[in-house]
């Protein structure tokens, strides 16, 4: 019994002495089951939670990349348009100057044409005035001649009354016309 007792003491002493890791079969089995459960939970969460989150993030990343590409393309278009408009603005001053120059040339040509027409019309008006003045002079000359003829006829009547002959009357009319002269009744 001594042996038994000594074995029991050894067993009790060994059971009483703390083990370093306290590893036993139950702990190992629980650890393995916990690891399997965590792995299964990870797979399930991965399928239902992580994959949709990854897909959502991937879609968002793709969308952002597409928007950045569009923004870059729009920026390039805007730069090209800006350069084009700046070029047009530089050329617009030249075009404006050309248009103004052309308008000045047309205005000058119109001015010259109007002046030429005015001079031509003035010359025509002067010519008509001269012709009218010549016609008036001619009318006045004709009237003066008629007056002279009527005065000569009165004189002739007086001469006839004093019994003069026709030769004397003609000489008197010619003398009277010579005395009056062409320059007197033409001016």
Protein backbone atom coordinates (compact mmCIF):
# COMPACT_ATOMS: atom_id res chain seq x y z
CA UNK A 1 0.00 0.00 0.00
CA UNK A 2 2.82 2.01 0.37
CA UNK A 3 3.41 1.89 -3.27
CA UNK A 4 -0.09 2.66 -3.93
CA UNK A 5 0.03 5.50 -1.65
CA UNK A 6 3.20 6.73 -3.06
CA UNK A 7 1.79 6.47 -6.58
CA UNK A 8 -1.29 8.31 -5.47
CA UNK A 9 0.87 10.99 -3.95
CA UNK A 10 2.88 11.27 -7.09
CA UNK A 11 -0.28 11.52 -9.13
CA UNK A 12 -1.72 14.05 -6.77
CA UNK A 13 1.49 15.99 -6.79
CA UNK A 14 1.62 15.92 -10.54
CA UNK A 15 -1.99 16.99 -10.78
CA UNK A 16 -1.42 19.69 -8.36
CA UNK A 17 1.61 21.05 -10.00
CA UNK A 18 0.62 23.51 -12.59
CA UNK A 19 1.48 22.68 -16.13
CA UNK A 20 3.12 25.23 -18.28
CA UNK A 21 0.56 25.30 -21.15
CA UNK A 22 -2.14 23.21 -19.58
CA UNK A 23 -2.66 21.45 -22.89
CA UNK A 24 -5.10 18.67 -22.88
CA UNK A 25 -7.24 17.02 -25.50
CA UNK A 26 -10.36 19.09 -24.76
CA UNK A 27 -8.48 22.36 -25.17
CA UNK A 28 -7.03 21.21 -28.46
CA UNK A 29 -10.43 20.08 -29.71
CA UNK A 30 -12.07 23.38 -28.68
CA UNK A 31 -9.25 25.34 -30.33
CA UNK A 32 -9.59 23.39 -33.59
CA UNK A 33 -13.38 23.83 -33.58
CA UNK A 34 -13.01 27.55 -32.88
CA UNK A 35 -10.53 27.92 -35.73
CA UNK A 36 -12.86 26.03 -38.08
CA UNK A 37 -15.82 28.17 -36.94
CA UNK A 38 -13.85 31.41 -37.42
CA UNK A 39 -12.72 30.23 -40.86
CA UNK A 40 -16.30 29.27 -41.81
CA UNK A 41 -17.55 32.61 -40.47
CA UNK A 42 -14.86 34.40 -42.48
CA UNK A 43 -15.89 32.55 -45.64
CA UNK A 44 -19.58 33.32 -45.07
CA UNK A 45 -18.87 36.97 -44.26
CA UNK A 46 -16.54 37.16 -47.21
CA UNK A 47 -19.27 35.91 -49.50
CA UNK A 48 -22.10 38.04 -48.08
CA UNK A 49 -20.26 41.12 -46.79
CA UNK A 50 -16.73 41.49 -48.12
CA UNK A 51 -17.42 40.60 -51.78
CA UNK A 52 -20.29 43.10 -52.13
CA UNK A 53 -18.19 45.73 -50.40
CA UNK A 54 -15.28 44.97 -52.75
CA UNK A 55 -17.60 45.13 -55.78
CA UNK A 56 -19.06 48.41 -54.54
CA UNK A 57 -15.59 49.87 -54.04
CA UNK A 58 -14.45 48.58 -57.45
CA UNK A 59 -17.50 50.11 -59.16
CA UNK A 60 -16.90 53.38 -57.34
CA UNK A 61 -13.23 53.30 -58.33
CA UNK A 62 -14.15 52.63 -61.97
CA UNK A 63 -16.73 55.43 -61.89
CA UNK A 64 -14.21 57.86 -60.42
CA UNK A 65 -11.62 56.84 -63.01
CA UNK A 66 -14.16 57.32 -65.82
CA UNK A 67 -15.09 60.74 -64.44
CA UNK A 68 -11.43 61.69 -64.22
CA UNK A 69 -10.89 60.55 -67.81
CA UNK A 70 -13.93 62.54 -68.93
CA UNK A 71 -12.72 65.56 -66.99
CA UNK A 72 -9.30 65.26 -68.60
CA UNK A 73 -10.85 64.94 -72.06
CA UNK A 74 -13.10 67.94 -71.36
CA UNK A 75 -10.11 69.89 -70.11
CA UNK A 76 -8.23 69.12 -73.33
CA UNK A 77 -11.24 70.19 -75.39
CA UNK A 78 -11.56 73.36 -73.33
CA UNK A 79 -7.86 74.11 -73.82
CA UNK A 80 -8.20 73.56 -77.56
CA UNK A 81 -11.26 75.83 -77.71
CA UNK A 82 -9.52 78.45 -75.60
CA UNK A 83 -6.52 78.43 -77.94
CA UNK A 84 -8.83 78.62 -80.95
CA UNK A 85 -10.72 81.57 -79.46
CA UNK A 86 -7.51 83.31 -78.50
CA UNK A 87 -6.36 82.89 -82.10
CA UNK A 88 -9.66 84.29 -83.31
CA UNK A 89 -9.36 87.21 -80.90
CA UNK A 90 -5.92 87.97 -82.29
CA UNK A 91 -7.29 87.78 -85.83
CA UNK A 92 -10.43 89.74 -85.01
CA UNK A 93 -8.44 92.95 -84.70
CA UNK A 94 -6.99 92.35 -88.15
CA UNK A 95 -10.42 91.52 -89.55
CA UNK A 96 -11.92 94.61 -87.94
CA UNK A 97 -9.15 96.75 -89.42
CA UNK A 98 -9.73 95.19 -92.85
CA UNK A 99 -13.47 95.81 -92.59
CA UNK A 100 -12.89 99.42 -91.50
CA UNK A 101 -10.37 99.91 -94.27
CA UNK A 102 -12.80 98.52 -96.83
CA UNK A 103 -15.57 100.74 -95.44
CA UNK A 104 -13.27 103.78 -95.65
CA UNK A 105 -12.42 102.94 -99.25
CA UNK A 106 -16.10 102.58 -100.13
CA UNK A 107 -16.95 105.81 -98.32
CA UNK A 108 -14.15 107.64 -100.13
CA UNK A 109 -15.30 106.21 -103.47
CA UNK A 110 -18.89 107.26 -102.69
CA UNK A 111 -17.69 110.69 -101.65
CA UNK A 112 -15.73 111.10 -104.88
CA UNK A 113 -18.69 109.84 -106.92
CA UNK A 114 -21.09 112.22 -105.15
CA UNK A 115 -18.70 115.14 -105.60
CA UNK A 116 -18.30 114.30 -109.28
CA UNK A 117 -22.08 114.10 -109.70
CA UNK A 118 -22.51 117.39 -107.87
CA UNK A 119 -19.91 119.07 -110.08
CA UNK A 120 -21.56 117.62 -113.16
CA UNK A 121 -24.99 118.80 -112.01
CA UNK A 122 -23.57 122.24 -111.16
CA UNK A 123 -22.00 122.42 -114.63
CA UNK A 124 -25.32 121.43 -116.18
CA UNK A 125 -27.16 124.03 -114.09
CA UNK A 126 -24.64 126.70 -115.15
CA UNK A 127 -24.97 125.65 -118.79
CA UNK A 128 -28.78 125.83 -118.56
CA UNK A 129 -28.51 129.22 -116.88
CA UNK A 130 -26.22 130.46 -119.67
CA UNK A 131 -28.61 129.15 -122.30
CA UNK A 132 -31.55 130.77 -120.52
CA UNK A 133 -29.58 134.01 -120.22
CA UNK A 134 -28.74 133.82 -123.95
CA UNK A 135 -32.41 133.18 -124.74
CA UNK A 136 -33.42 136.13 -122.55
CA UNK A 137 -30.82 138.30 -124.32
CA UNK A 138 -32.18 137.14 -127.65
CA UNK A 139 -35.75 137.92 -126.54
CA UNK A 140 -34.69 141.33 -125.29
CA UNK A 141 -32.83 141.97 -128.53
CA UNK A 142 -35.92 140.96 -130.50
CA UNK A 143 -38.07 143.25 -128.37
CA UNK A 144 -35.60 146.10 -128.78
CA UNK A 145 -35.61 145.50 -132.54
CA UNK A 146 -39.40 145.60 -132.53
CA UNK A 147 -39.33 148.80 -130.51
CA UNK A 148 -36.81 150.24 -132.90
CA UNK A 149 -38.92 149.18 -135.84
CA UNK A 150 -42.02 150.70 -134.24
CA UNK A 151 -40.10 153.93 -133.47
CA UNK A 152 -38.80 153.91 -137.01
CA UNK A 153 -42.31 153.37 -138.28
CA UNK A 154 -43.52 156.35 -136.24
CA UNK A 155 -40.70 158.42 -137.57
CA UNK A 156 -41.48 157.24 -141.01
CA UNK A 157 -45.08 158.22 -140.45
CA UNK A 158 -43.96 161.68 -139.38
CA UNK A 159 -41.62 161.93 -142.34
CA UNK A 160 -44.39 160.85 -144.70
CA UNK A 161 -46.56 163.43 -143.14
CA UNK A 162 -43.97 166.04 -144.00
CA UNK A 163 -43.91 164.66 -147.53
CA UNK A 164 -40.70 162.87 -147.74
CA UNK A 165 -39.97 160.28 -150.26
CA UNK A 166 -39.08 156.58 -149.59
CA UNK A 167 -35.37 156.99 -150.20
CA UNK A 168 -35.15 159.63 -147.53
CA UNK A 169 -37.11 157.37 -145.12
CA UNK A 170 -34.74 154.43 -145.72
CA UNK A 171 -31.71 156.53 -145.17
CA UNK A 172 -33.21 157.87 -141.93
CA UNK A 173 -33.95 154.30 -140.65
CA UNK A 174 -30.44 153.13 -141.51
CA UNK A 175 -28.90 156.13 -139.81
CA UNK A 176 -30.99 155.51 -136.70
CA UNK A 177 -29.99 151.82 -136.56
CA UNK A 178 -26.33 152.74 -137.02
CA UNK A 179 -26.56 155.28 -134.22
CA UNK A 180 -28.14 152.77 -131.82
CA UNK A 181 -25.69 150.03 -132.83
CA UNK A 182 -25.72 146.25 -132.22
CA UNK A 183 -23.87 146.46 -128.88
CA UNK A 184 -26.46 148.78 -127.36
CA UNK A 185 -29.48 146.54 -127.75
CA UNK A 186 -27.61 143.19 -127.31
CA UNK A 187 -26.38 143.92 -123.78
